[in-house]
Amino acid sequence: MNPIEIWALGYALTRSYPAPRAVPTGLWLEISKPDQRGRFVLPEFDPAAFAELAQSIEEPGRNGRRSPP
């Protein structure tokens, strides 16, 4: 496990969230709150990946999808 994966797992465990799952851009943390569906955790700064994720937001606090890309 790399340091980012360790941090994400610790973040999830200490907040009683499900374990992060791998997605093409990095990791997805399922938060499942009314104002926050989840969080993407990117392993490195990639402007193109960041821009693509930002453009996929359809409403604040939710990305309008049933699951991350």
C-alpha atoms as a PDB file:
ATOM      1  CA  MET A   1       0.000   0.000   0.000  1.00  0.00           C
ATOM      2  CA  ASN A   2       1.310   3.454  -0.831  1.00  0.00           C
ATOM      3  CA  PRO A   3       1.012   6.437   1.572  1.00  0.00           C
ATOM      4  CA  ILE A   4      -2.101   7.808  -0.168  1.00  0.00           C
ATOM      5  CA  GLU A   5      -3.898   4.457   0.126  1.00  0.00           C
ATOM      6  CA  ILE A   6      -2.896   4.187   3.793  1.00  0.00           C
ATOM      7  CA  TRP A   7      -4.211   7.692   4.504  1.00  0.00           C
ATOM      8  CA  ALA A   8      -7.495   7.038   2.661  1.00  0.00           C
ATOM      9  CA  LEU A   9      -8.049   3.762   4.503  1.00  0.00           C
ATOM     10  CA  GLY A  10      -7.348   5.429   7.855  1.00  0.00           C
ATOM     11  CA  TYR A  11      -9.671   8.320   6.975  1.00  0.00           C
ATOM     12  CA  ALA A  12     -12.465   5.905   6.116  1.00  0.00           C
ATOM     13  CA  LEU A  13     -11.971   3.645   9.124  1.00  0.00           C
ATOM     14  CA  THR A  14     -11.879   6.474  11.664  1.00  0.00           C
ATOM     15  CA  ARG A  15     -15.167   7.830  10.301  1.00  0.00           C
ATOM     16  CA  SER A  16     -16.911   4.455   9.887  1.00  0.00           C
ATOM     17  CA  TYR A  17     -17.063   4.820   6.091  1.00  0.00           C
ATOM     18  CA  PRO A  18     -16.588   1.849   3.767  1.00  0.00           C
ATOM     19  CA  ALA A  19     -13.028   1.110   2.669  1.00  0.00           C
ATOM     20  CA  PRO A  20     -11.916   3.182  -0.317  1.00  0.00           C
ATOM     21  CA  ARG A  21     -12.233   1.533  -3.681  1.00  0.00           C
ATOM     22  CA  ALA A  22     -10.010   1.894  -6.692  1.00  0.00           C
ATOM     23  CA  VAL A  23     -11.308   3.914  -9.649  1.00  0.00           C
ATOM     24  CA  PRO A  24      -9.439   4.962 -12.808  1.00  0.00           C
ATOM     25  CA  THR A  25      -8.428   8.338 -11.317  1.00  0.00           C
ATOM     26  CA  GLY A  26      -7.307   7.004  -7.916  1.00  0.00           C
ATOM     27  CA  LEU A  27      -9.603   6.135  -5.002  1.00  0.00           C
ATOM     28  CA  TRP A  28     -13.253   6.756  -4.181  1.00  0.00           C
ATOM     29  CA  LEU A  29     -14.427   7.252  -0.599  1.00  0.00           C
ATOM     30  CA  GLU A  30     -18.156   6.676  -0.196  1.00  0.00           C
ATOM     31  CA  ILE A  31     -19.412   9.260   2.319  1.00  0.00           C
ATOM     32  CA  SER A  32     -23.177   8.846   1.742  1.00  0.00           C
ATOM     33  CA  LYS A  33     -24.300  12.050   3.417  1.00  0.00           C
ATOM     34  CA  PRO A  34     -27.097  14.247   2.034  1.00  0.00           C
ATOM     35  CA  ASP A  35     -24.660  17.027   1.165  1.00  0.00           C
ATOM     36  CA  GLN A  36     -21.684  14.858   0.228  1.00  0.00           C
ATOM     37  CA  ARG A  37     -21.938  11.625  -1.708  1.00  0.00           C
ATOM     38  CA  GLY A  38     -18.246  10.842  -1.654  1.00  0.00           C
ATOM     39  CA  ARG A  39     -14.729  11.987  -2.291  1.00  0.00           C
ATOM     40  CA  PHE A  40     -12.152  11.268  -4.922  1.00  0.00           C
ATOM     41  CA  VAL A  41      -8.612  10.836  -3.651  1.00  0.00           C
ATOM     42  CA  LEU A  42      -6.079  11.440  -6.391  1.00  0.00           C
ATOM     43  CA  PRO A  43      -2.634   9.821  -6.052  1.00  0.00           C
ATOM     44  CA  GLU A  44      -0.927  12.759  -7.729  1.00  0.00           C
ATOM     45  CA  PHE A  45      -1.818  16.105  -9.230  1.00  0.00           C
ATOM     46  CA  ASP A  46      -2.990  15.499 -12.771  1.00  0.00           C
ATOM     47  CA  PRO A  47      -4.589  18.656 -14.207  1.00  0.00           C
ATOM     48  CA  ALA A  48      -6.473  16.730 -16.908  1.00  0.00           C
ATOM     49  CA  ALA A  49      -7.955  14.201 -14.459  1.00  0.00           C
ATOM     50  CA  PHE A  50      -8.834  16.980 -12.018  1.00  0.00           C
ATOM     51  CA  ALA A  51     -10.552  19.020 -14.760  1.00  0.00           C
ATOM     52  CA  GLU A  52     -12.511  15.982 -15.953  1.00  0.00           C
ATOM     53  CA  LEU A  53     -13.750  15.229 -12.443  1.00  0.00           C
ATOM     54  CA  ALA A  54     -14.650  18.878 -11.823  1.00  0.00           C
ATOM     55  CA  GLN A  55     -16.643  19.037 -15.062  1.00  0.00           C
ATOM     56  CA  SER A  56     -18.595  15.901 -14.112  1.00  0.00           C
ATOM     57  CA  ILE A  57     -20.257  17.653 -11.138  1.00  0.00           C
ATOM     58  CA  GLU A  58     -23.924  18.189 -11.914  1.00  0.00           C
ATOM     59  CA  GLU A  59     -25.045  19.610  -8.566  1.00  0.00           C
ATOM     60  CA  PRO A  60     -23.167  20.768  -5.468  1.00  0.00           C
ATOM     61  CA  GLY A  61     -22.435  17.985  -3.012  1.00  0.00           C
ATOM     62  CA  ARG A  62     -23.338  15.252  -5.499  1.00  0.00           C
ATOM     63  CA  ASN A  63     -21.885  14.246  -8.815  1.00  0.00           C
ATOM     64  CA  GLY A  64     -25.229  13.113 -10.260  1.00  0.00           C
ATOM     65  CA  ARG A  65     -24.003   9.560 -10.813  1.00  0.00           C
ATOM     66  CA  ARG A  66     -24.847   6.338  -9.051  1.00  0.00           C
ATOM     67  CA  SER A  67     -21.147   5.533  -8.812  1.00  0.00           C
ATOM     68  CA  PRO A  68     -17.899   7.269  -9.704  1.00  0.00           C
ATOM     69  CA  PRO A  69     -16.490   6.931 -13.214  1.00  0.00           C
END
